[in-house]
Amino acid sequence: MTRIEHDLLGDREVPDDAYYGIHTLRATENFPITGIPLASHPDLVSALASVKQAAAQTNAGLGLLPRREADAIVAACDEIRAGALRDQFVVDVIQGGAGTSTNMNANEVVANRALELLGHRRGRYEYLHPLEHVNMSQSTNDVYPTAIKAGLQTALTRLRAAMQDLAAAFAVKSTEFSDVLKVGRTQLQDAVPMTLGQEIATFALMIDEDSQRLGEAATLISEINLGGTAIGTGLNAHHEYAWRVREHLAAITGIEVTTASDLIEATQDVGAFVQLSGVLKRTAVKLSKICNDLRLLSSGPRAGFGEITLPPVQAGSSIMPGKVNPVIPEVVNQIAFRVVGNDLTVTMAAEGGQLQLNAFEPVIAHSLFETIELLTRGCTVLRERCVVGIGANIDHLKNMVDASIGVVTALNPHIGYTAATAIAADALATGRTVAALVLERGLLSREQLDDVLRPENLTRPLVP
């Protein structure tokens, strides 16, 4: 079963059970690019419905849209925001037209569901039209970027929560290993001692810091250009529309959005997306560094560092029996690589904007939503399937500290740099321990040496 719909290019048959219409149909034919539909970004779909709902409420309040039609639009948007009709958002996430196909898809789905609520069949646009009513006082050029920003805010809230949970899991491990002494390393060479707890505490702090930076970046995408219509001049919108629609959108989403002071500038400027992408890249790079450390520290089990153990989650080889690999850190590494690539995509798309509009916001949006989703899942998987099960090989760590030449650094204030250098050279040449050589040469007494090499003295600043 089909219905006939009409646009400026002519008539087309649209599946009768579809909530989308002719504009969406053409877009699916024109952009078979990624195979990833708009529905794969549910936060963006919900945000589009929120914008359409805010617009309908505003237009009704201004006397521009009959209350009955406005109520049907609002009800349809409420359903979409609750998760209904997601399968009807079918346009490809990467598309030409600066997001017009996405806006048209939303207009048609909202209109056809509103028509049903009014007691009409889908496609009977003489009663409620996707463009005349659902898109009233709007343009893709203010609807689409506003929806992107609102959707990103929601997605970022989940990411930051996942990051804070991951940081908390590392903090728990830091406390658990607070008295486990180990050798620190710089440039992959033995350095001075530290505790395993201190090492892991840095992971928690790094993640927490980036969560805060993401919060700062989120404030930059709270500024919207809704009401600017085509290029920011506000053509075809009531002079009170911009501030009224902002109030409705804030009430619907719970996001404290602000209207840009210059809507023309805001319509063409995607700098906030570049800033956010950069902070997301920073987050990914630091997560990847943490995972590199986890892989190094757990390498072995016999021929590597072997300082910590990661939970075994799957067999590691199709040929080597008993092999277990650090697959969870590895997948987070790969997430980071993808995020870095997405950041470059956002950068080039932002640079490619021309005059009063950036036509490449679809790939910006897809890159950012994908990045946030990948990082959110990565943080969750890393916490649940790796961090909470980290163990310490305490005896091995102690033996490495005892054999380490790096502890000689702690002797500098007591025996002098020259004597300490000689001890280090002899220890390296003979394989004997630093402690044994110090005692043999009578540089310190046993009591003095034990005091200097106490873990609390080795891992903290000197106390006079």
Protein backbone atom coordinates (compact mmCIF):
# COMPACT_ATOMS: atom_id res chain seq x y z
CA MET A 1 0.00 0.00 0.00
CA THR A 2 1.24 3.46 -0.89
CA ARG A 3 0.07 7.06 -0.85
CA ILE A 4 0.94 9.81 -3.30
CA GLU A 5 2.83 12.84 -2.04
CA HIS A 6 4.01 15.88 -3.97
CA ASP A 7 7.01 18.19 -3.78
CA LEU A 8 8.61 20.68 -6.17
CA LEU A 9 10.10 17.83 -8.21
CA GLY A 10 6.77 16.06 -8.72
CA ASP A 11 4.77 13.14 -7.31
CA ARG A 12 6.11 10.03 -5.58
CA GLU A 13 4.62 6.95 -4.01
CA VAL A 14 5.37 6.75 -0.29
CA PRO A 15 4.73 3.56 1.75
CA ASP A 16 1.35 4.05 3.38
CA ASP A 17 2.58 2.78 6.73
CA ALA A 18 5.47 5.28 6.80
CA TYR A 19 5.35 8.32 9.03
CA TYR A 20 7.98 10.01 6.92
CA GLY A 21 7.08 11.58 3.59
CA ILE A 22 8.35 12.47 0.15
CA HIS A 23 11.25 14.67 1.25
CA THR A 24 12.60 11.92 3.48
CA LEU A 25 12.10 9.33 0.73
CA ARG A 26 14.19 11.35 -1.70
CA ALA A 27 16.89 11.83 0.94
CA THR A 28 17.19 8.08 1.51
CA GLU A 29 17.71 7.65 -2.22
CA ASN A 30 20.18 10.51 -2.52
CA PHE A 31 22.35 9.67 0.48
CA PRO A 32 23.03 5.91 0.76
CA ILE A 33 26.34 6.81 2.41
CA THR A 34 27.06 5.20 5.77
CA GLY A 35 24.04 2.96 6.22
CA ILE A 36 23.67 4.57 9.65
CA PRO A 37 20.22 6.17 10.04
CA LEU A 38 19.44 9.25 12.06
CA ALA A 39 17.72 6.95 14.57
CA SER A 40 21.18 5.74 15.67
CA HIS A 41 21.57 9.06 17.49
CA PRO A 42 18.51 9.00 19.77
CA ASP A 43 19.61 12.10 21.68
CA LEU A 44 19.50 14.08 18.43
CA VAL A 45 16.08 12.67 17.52
CA SER A 46 14.72 13.61 20.94
CA ALA A 47 16.23 17.08 20.65
CA LEU A 48 14.64 17.60 17.23
CA ALA A 49 11.27 16.71 18.73
CA SER A 50 11.95 19.12 21.60
CA VAL A 51 12.64 21.96 19.15
CA LYS A 52 9.48 21.21 17.17
CA GLN A 53 7.47 21.08 20.39
CA ALA A 54 8.90 24.39 21.61
CA ALA A 55 8.16 25.99 18.25
CA ALA A 56 4.55 24.79 18.25
CA GLN A 57 3.98 26.10 21.77
CA THR A 58 5.53 29.44 20.86
CA ASN A 59 3.57 29.84 17.63
CA ALA A 60 0.35 28.96 19.42
CA GLY A 61 1.10 31.49 22.16
CA LEU A 62 1.69 34.16 19.53
CA GLY A 63 -1.62 33.34 17.83
CA LEU A 64 0.08 32.08 14.68
CA LEU A 65 -0.86 28.40 14.99
CA PRO A 66 -4.34 27.16 15.91
CA ARG A 67 -4.36 25.61 19.36
CA ARG A 68 -5.83 22.31 18.16
CA GLU A 69 -3.04 21.73 15.62
CA ALA A 70 -0.42 22.93 18.10
CA ASP A 71 -1.65 20.48 20.74
CA ALA A 72 -1.45 17.61 18.24
CA ILE A 73 2.12 18.57 17.33
CA VAL A 74 3.08 18.79 21.00
CA ALA A 75 1.54 15.38 21.70
CA ALA A 76 3.37 13.83 18.75
CA CYS A 77 6.65 15.33 19.93
CA ASP A 78 6.07 14.04 23.46
CA GLU A 79 5.72 10.53 22.05
CA ILE A 80 8.91 10.84 19.99
CA ARG A 81 10.83 12.18 22.96
CA ALA A 82 9.63 9.16 24.92
CA GLY A 83 11.11 6.85 22.29
CA ALA A 84 8.25 6.26 19.86
CA LEU A 85 8.66 6.23 16.08
CA ARG A 86 12.47 6.12 16.22
CA ASP A 87 12.49 3.70 13.28
CA GLN A 88 10.93 6.42 11.14
CA PHE A 89 14.03 8.62 11.33
CA VAL A 90 15.69 6.97 8.37
CA VAL A 91 17.85 9.55 6.60
CA ASP A 92 21.56 8.86 6.59
CA VAL A 93 23.57 10.65 9.26
CA ILE A 94 25.87 12.06 6.57
CA GLN A 95 23.96 14.03 3.97
CA GLY A 96 24.19 17.05 1.73
CA GLY A 97 22.01 20.09 2.35
CA ALA A 98 23.30 21.28 5.72
CA GLY A 99 20.86 19.05 7.61
CA THR A 100 17.75 19.87 5.56
CA SER A 101 16.96 16.18 5.09
CA THR A 102 17.10 15.65 8.85
CA ASN A 103 14.78 18.58 9.48
CA MET A 104 12.38 17.38 6.78
CA ASN A 105 12.39 13.88 8.28
CA ALA A 106 11.44 15.33 11.65
CA ASN A 107 8.78 17.61 10.17
CA GLU A 108 7.13 14.74 8.31
CA VAL A 109 7.16 12.24 11.17
CA VAL A 110 5.75 14.81 13.59
CA ALA A 111 3.11 15.94 11.06
CA ASN A 112 1.89 12.46 10.21
CA ARG A 113 1.64 11.37 13.83
CA ALA A 114 -0.17 14.64 14.65
CA LEU A 115 -2.57 13.97 11.78
CA GLU A 116 -3.41 10.57 13.30
CA LEU A 117 -4.03 12.21 16.67
CA LEU A 118 -6.40 14.62 14.94
CA GLY A 119 -8.28 11.72 13.36
CA HIS A 120 -6.84 11.98 9.85
CA ARG A 121 -4.84 9.61 7.69
CA ARG A 122 -1.14 10.05 7.15
CA GLY A 123 -0.35 12.25 4.19
CA ARG A 124 -3.50 14.41 4.48
CA TYR A 125 -1.41 17.56 4.73
CA GLU A 126 -4.32 19.87 3.97
CA TYR A 127 -5.23 19.42 7.64
CA LEU A 128 -1.74 19.76 9.10
CA HIS A 129 1.33 20.37 6.98
CA PRO A 130 4.96 19.43 7.73
CA LEU A 131 6.26 22.78 6.52
CA GLU A 132 3.35 25.16 6.99
CA HIS A 133 2.64 24.06 10.56
CA VAL A 134 5.36 21.85 12.06
CA ASN A 135 8.15 24.00 10.58
CA MET A 136 6.44 27.35 11.17
CA SER A 137 8.84 30.21 12.09
CA GLN A 138 11.79 27.89 11.51
CA SER A 139 14.56 27.00 9.11
CA THR A 140 16.83 24.00 9.05
CA ASN A 141 19.60 26.48 9.70
CA ASP A 142 18.40 27.30 13.20
CA VAL A 143 16.53 24.06 14.04
CA TYR A 144 19.35 21.67 13.20
CA PRO A 145 22.25 23.29 15.11
CA THR A 146 19.98 23.94 18.08
CA ALA A 147 18.92 20.29 18.16
CA ILE A 148 22.53 19.16 17.85
CA LYS A 149 23.51 21.28 20.84
CA ALA A 150 20.60 20.13 22.97
CA GLY A 151 21.24 16.49 22.09
CA LEU A 152 24.94 16.82 22.83
CA GLN A 153 24.16 18.24 26.26
CA THR A 154 22.17 15.12 27.10
CA ALA A 155 24.86 12.82 25.75
CA LEU A 156 27.59 14.67 27.64
CA THR A 157 25.71 14.24 30.91
CA ARG A 158 25.91 10.46 30.48
CA LEU A 159 29.56 10.57 29.46
CA ARG A 160 30.57 12.66 32.45
CA ALA A 161 28.69 10.30 34.77
CA ALA A 162 30.53 7.32 33.26
CA MET A 163 33.85 9.13 33.65
CA GLN A 164 33.15 9.97 37.27
CA ASP A 165 32.26 6.34 37.96
CA LEU A 166 35.51 5.24 36.34
CA ALA A 167 37.51 7.77 38.34
CA ALA A 168 35.84 6.53 41.52
CA ALA A 169 36.78 2.94 40.67
CA PHE A 170 40.43 3.95 40.23
CA ALA A 171 40.25 5.87 43.53
CA VAL A 172 39.09 2.72 45.32
CA LYS A 173 42.03 0.79 43.88
CA SER A 174 44.37 3.60 44.87
CA THR A 175 43.28 3.24 48.48
CA GLU A 176 43.54 -0.54 48.31
CA PHE A 177 47.16 -0.33 47.14
CA SER A 178 48.20 2.71 49.18
CA ASP A 179 50.96 0.83 51.04
CA VAL A 180 52.23 -1.33 48.17
CA LEU A 181 55.74 -0.13 47.33
CA LYS A 182 56.98 -0.37 43.75
CA VAL A 183 59.56 1.08 41.38
CA GLY A 184 58.56 4.16 39.43
CA ARG A 185 59.76 4.57 35.87
CA THR A 186 60.67 7.43 33.56
CA GLN A 187 61.40 6.80 29.88
CA LEU A 188 60.81 3.10 30.64
CA GLN A 189 63.89 3.09 32.87
CA ASP A 190 63.94 2.47 36.63
CA ALA A 191 63.35 5.64 38.63
CA VAL A 192 62.64 6.22 42.31
CA PRO A 193 60.13 4.23 44.37
CA MET A 194 56.48 5.09 44.73
CA THR A 195 53.39 3.24 45.84
CA LEU A 196 51.06 1.46 43.48
CA GLY A 197 48.31 3.51 45.09
CA GLN A 198 50.04 6.73 44.06
CA GLU A 199 50.37 5.48 40.50
CA ILE A 200 46.71 4.56 40.22
CA ALA A 201 45.57 7.75 41.97
CA THR A 202 46.87 9.72 39.01
CA PHE A 203 44.47 7.85 36.74
CA ALA A 204 41.51 8.92 38.86
CA LEU A 205 42.68 12.52 38.89
CA MET A 206 43.29 12.64 35.12
CA ILE A 207 39.79 11.40 34.39
CA ASP A 208 38.18 13.71 36.93
CA GLU A 209 40.00 16.71 35.46
CA ASP A 210 38.74 15.92 31.97
CA SER A 211 35.20 15.51 33.25
CA GLN A 212 35.45 19.06 34.56
CA ARG A 213 36.84 20.32 31.24
CA LEU A 214 33.91 18.69 29.44
CA GLY A 215 31.55 20.54 31.77
CA GLU A 216 33.18 23.80 30.73
CA ALA A 217 32.92 22.89 27.05
CA ALA A 218 29.25 22.04 27.53
CA THR A 219 28.52 25.63 28.56
CA LEU A 220 29.73 26.80 25.15
CA ILE A 221 27.12 24.71 23.36
CA SER A 222 24.26 26.10 25.44
CA GLU A 223 24.11 29.16 23.18
CA ILE A 224 21.58 28.65 20.36
CA ASN A 225 20.49 30.49 17.22
CA LEU A 226 16.85 29.39 17.28
CA GLY A 227 14.76 32.24 15.89
CA GLY A 228 17.38 33.30 13.39
CA THR A 229 15.68 31.23 10.66
CA ALA A 230 17.60 31.07 7.36
CA ILE A 231 20.75 33.13 7.95
CA GLY A 232 20.15 34.75 11.33
CA THR A 233 18.07 37.74 10.31
CA GLY A 234 14.90 36.18 11.73
CA LEU A 235 12.99 36.39 8.44
CA ASN A 236 9.41 35.00 8.73
CA ALA A 237 9.60 34.75 12.53
CA HIS A 238 7.64 36.96 14.93
CA HIS A 239 9.80 39.56 16.68
CA GLU A 240 9.07 37.88 20.04
CA TYR A 241 9.61 34.36 18.74
CA ALA A 242 13.31 33.93 19.62
CA TRP A 243 13.04 34.62 23.33
CA ARG A 244 9.73 32.82 23.70
CA VAL A 245 10.91 29.66 21.94
CA ARG A 246 14.07 29.65 24.04
CA GLU A 247 11.98 29.64 27.22
CA HIS A 248 9.85 26.76 25.97
CA LEU A 249 12.88 24.76 24.86
CA ALA A 250 14.57 25.24 28.23
CA ALA A 251 11.43 24.08 30.03
CA ILE A 252 11.07 21.00 27.81
CA THR A 253 14.70 19.85 27.94
CA GLY A 254 15.77 21.12 31.35
CA ILE A 255 18.82 22.67 29.67
CA GLU A 256 19.67 26.30 30.40
CA VAL A 257 19.99 27.44 26.79
CA THR A 258 20.67 31.07 25.89
CA THR A 259 19.94 32.93 22.68
CA ALA A 260 23.03 34.21 20.90
CA SER A 261 23.44 37.99 20.91
CA ASP A 262 24.11 37.97 17.16
CA LEU A 263 22.08 35.33 15.35
CA ILE A 264 23.81 35.91 12.03
CA GLU A 265 27.18 35.13 13.57
CA ALA A 266 25.76 32.20 15.52
CA THR A 267 24.25 30.65 12.38
CA GLN A 268 27.59 30.40 10.61
CA ASP A 269 29.96 29.84 13.54
CA VAL A 270 30.59 26.24 14.61
CA GLY A 271 33.51 27.06 16.89
CA ALA A 272 31.77 25.60 19.94
CA PHE A 273 31.69 22.22 18.21
CA VAL A 274 35.42 22.47 17.48
CA GLN A 275 36.10 23.32 21.12
CA LEU A 276 34.02 20.41 22.38
CA SER A 277 35.65 18.02 19.93
CA GLY A 278 39.07 19.10 21.15
CA VAL A 279 38.20 18.42 24.77
CA LEU A 280 36.76 15.03 23.81
CA LYS A 281 40.01 14.27 22.01
CA ARG A 282 41.95 15.27 25.11
CA THR A 283 39.80 12.88 27.14
CA ALA A 284 40.38 10.06 24.68
CA VAL A 285 44.13 10.62 24.57
CA LYS A 286 44.41 10.48 28.36
CA LEU A 287 42.22 7.39 28.59
CA SER A 288 44.41 5.74 25.99
CA LYS A 289 47.55 6.65 27.95
CA ILE A 290 46.04 5.09 31.05
CA CYS A 291 45.26 1.93 29.10
CA ASN A 292 48.81 1.86 27.74
CA ASP A 293 50.03 1.91 31.34
CA LEU A 294 47.64 -0.86 32.36
CA ARG A 295 48.89 -3.03 29.50
CA LEU A 296 52.52 -2.41 30.39
CA LEU A 297 52.08 -2.96 34.12
CA SER A 298 50.19 -6.21 33.52
CA SER A 299 52.49 -7.48 30.76
CA GLY A 300 53.80 -10.99 31.18
CA PRO A 301 52.90 -13.03 33.07
CA ARG A 302 56.52 -14.29 33.20
CA ALA A 303 58.44 -12.16 30.72
CA GLY A 304 56.92 -8.74 31.26
CA PHE A 305 56.47 -6.18 34.03
CA GLY A 306 54.01 -8.42 35.83
CA GLU A 307 53.27 -5.83 38.50
CA ILE A 308 49.49 -5.99 38.34
CA THR A 309 46.93 -8.46 37.10
CA LEU A 310 43.89 -7.60 35.01
CA PRO A 311 40.75 -9.71 35.16
CA PRO A 312 40.86 -12.51 32.57
CA VAL A 313 37.75 -11.98 30.44
CA GLN A 314 38.37 -14.24 27.44
CA ALA A 315 40.86 -16.65 25.92
CA GLY A 316 43.63 -14.74 24.18
CA SER A 317 44.86 -16.94 21.35
CA SER A 318 43.69 -19.46 18.81
CA ILE A 319 47.11 -21.14 18.83
CA MET A 320 48.80 -20.45 22.19
CA PRO A 321 47.04 -22.33 25.02
CA GLY A 322 46.57 -20.42 28.25
CA LYS A 323 47.28 -16.99 26.77
CA VAL A 324 45.14 -14.13 28.12
CA ASN A 325 45.33 -10.67 26.59
CA PRO A 326 44.46 -7.21 27.98
CA VAL A 327 41.52 -6.91 25.60
CA ILE A 328 39.59 -4.29 27.56
CA PRO A 329 42.40 -1.69 27.58
CA GLU A 330 43.01 -2.57 23.93
CA VAL A 331 39.46 -1.74 22.91
CA VAL A 332 39.64 1.57 24.76
CA ASN A 333 42.84 2.35 22.88
CA GLN A 334 40.98 1.79 19.63
CA ILE A 335 38.14 4.01 20.78
CA ALA A 336 40.70 6.74 21.32
CA PHE A 337 42.08 6.32 17.81
CA ARG A 338 38.57 6.72 16.41
CA VAL A 339 37.93 9.81 18.53
CA VAL A 340 41.13 11.46 17.30
CA GLY A 341 40.00 10.80 13.73
CA ASN A 342 36.58 12.26 14.46
CA ASP A 343 38.22 15.38 15.87
CA LEU A 344 40.09 15.90 12.61
CA THR A 345 36.81 15.45 10.72
CA VAL A 346 35.13 18.10 12.87
CA THR A 347 38.08 20.44 12.36
CA MET A 348 38.02 20.16 8.58
CA ALA A 349 34.23 20.40 8.42
CA ALA A 350 34.30 23.57 10.50
CA GLU A 351 37.03 25.05 8.33
CA GLY A 352 34.99 24.25 5.22
CA GLY A 353 32.12 26.56 6.13
CA GLN A 354 31.36 29.37 3.72
CA LEU A 355 29.69 32.73 4.19
CA GLN A 356 26.44 32.63 6.22
CA LEU A 357 26.20 28.85 6.80
CA ASN A 358 28.30 25.77 7.38
CA ALA A 359 26.92 23.06 5.11
CA PHE A 360 28.88 20.31 6.83
CA GLU A 361 27.13 20.19 10.19
CA PRO A 362 25.79 16.66 9.49
CA VAL A 363 29.27 15.15 9.63
CA ILE A 364 30.12 17.34 12.62
CA ALA A 365 27.05 16.09 14.44
CA HIS A 366 27.65 12.45 13.58
CA SER A 367 31.29 12.67 14.63
CA LEU A 368 30.49 14.27 17.98
CA PHE A 369 27.62 11.96 18.87
CA GLU A 370 29.65 8.91 17.86
CA THR A 371 32.63 10.12 19.88
CA ILE A 372 30.58 10.69 23.01
CA GLU A 373 28.83 7.34 22.73
CA LEU A 374 32.11 5.49 22.19
CA LEU A 375 33.76 7.21 25.14
CA THR A 376 30.75 6.55 27.36
CA ARG A 377 30.74 2.86 26.54
CA GLY A 378 34.51 2.68 26.78
CA CYS A 379 34.55 4.18 30.28
CA THR A 380 31.81 1.84 31.42
CA VAL A 381 33.45 -1.30 30.01
CA LEU A 382 36.87 -0.30 31.36
CA ARG A 383 35.44 0.14 34.85
CA GLU A 384 33.19 -2.91 34.92
CA ARG A 385 35.41 -5.43 33.15
CA CYS A 386 38.88 -4.28 34.09
CA VAL A 387 39.50 -1.70 36.82
CA VAL A 388 37.37 -3.20 39.58
CA GLY A 389 39.25 -6.49 39.23
CA ILE A 390 42.84 -5.19 39.16
CA GLY A 391 45.16 -7.09 41.49
CA ALA A 392 48.71 -6.41 42.68
CA ASN A 393 51.63 -8.84 42.59
CA ILE A 394 52.92 -7.61 45.95
CA ASP A 395 55.89 -9.95 46.41
CA HIS A 396 57.15 -9.28 42.90
CA LEU A 397 56.84 -5.53 43.43
CA LYS A 398 58.80 -5.74 46.70
CA ASN A 399 61.56 -7.78 45.10
CA MET A 400 61.94 -5.23 42.34
CA VAL A 401 62.21 -2.39 44.84
CA ASP A 402 64.83 -4.30 46.82
CA ALA A 403 66.85 -4.90 43.67
CA SER A 404 66.34 -1.43 42.25
CA ILE A 405 69.23 0.95 41.80
CA GLY A 406 66.75 3.84 41.79
CA VAL A 407 66.55 3.79 45.59
CA VAL A 408 70.05 5.26 45.66
CA THR A 409 68.46 8.62 44.85
CA ALA A 410 67.00 8.67 48.37
CA LEU A 411 70.54 8.45 49.75
CA ASN A 412 71.72 11.67 48.10
CA PRO A 413 70.91 13.91 51.09
CA HIS A 414 72.68 11.47 53.43
CA ILE A 415 75.83 10.30 51.61
CA GLY A 416 76.16 12.87 48.82
CA TYR A 417 75.67 12.62 45.06
CA THR A 418 79.23 11.42 44.33
CA ALA A 419 79.09 8.52 46.77
CA ALA A 420 75.58 7.66 45.65
CA THR A 421 76.72 7.57 42.01
CA ALA A 422 79.54 5.18 42.91
CA ILE A 423 77.11 2.93 44.75
CA ALA A 424 74.77 2.91 41.75
CA ALA A 425 77.59 2.01 39.37
CA ASP A 426 78.81 -0.82 41.57
CA ALA A 427 75.30 -2.17 42.06
CA LEU A 428 74.74 -2.20 38.32
CA ALA A 429 78.09 -3.87 37.64
CA THR A 430 77.92 -6.51 40.36
CA GLY A 431 74.22 -7.19 40.68
CA ARG A 432 74.38 -6.53 44.42
CA THR A 433 71.78 -4.40 46.17
CA VAL A 434 72.24 -0.77 47.02
CA ALA A 435 71.57 -1.50 50.69
CA ALA A 436 74.28 -4.16 50.87
CA LEU A 437 76.89 -1.88 49.32
CA VAL A 438 76.02 1.06 51.61
CA LEU A 439 76.38 -1.11 54.70
CA GLU A 440 79.58 -2.74 53.46
CA ARG A 441 81.22 0.66 52.97
CA GLY A 442 80.01 1.94 56.30
CA LEU A 443 78.27 4.92 54.74
CA LEU A 444 75.21 4.46 56.97
CA SER A 445 74.29 2.27 59.90
CA ARG A 446 71.58 -0.36 59.56
CA GLU A 447 69.22 1.80 61.61
CA GLN A 448 69.92 4.86 59.47
CA LEU A 449 69.53 2.91 56.24
CA ASP A 450 66.28 1.30 57.35
CA ASP A 451 64.92 4.73 58.25
CA VAL A 452 65.89 6.24 54.89
CA LEU A 453 64.39 3.31 52.98
CA ARG A 454 61.11 3.23 54.88
CA PRO A 455 58.25 3.35 52.33
CA GLU A 456 56.81 6.56 53.79
CA ASN A 457 60.19 8.26 53.40
CA LEU A 458 60.74 6.94 49.90
CA THR A 459 57.41 8.11 48.53
CA ARG A 460 56.91 11.54 50.11
CA PRO A 461 58.79 14.84 50.44
CA LEU A 462 61.34 15.04 53.27
CA VAL A 463 60.02 16.22 56.62
CA PRO A 464 62.64 18.17 58.65
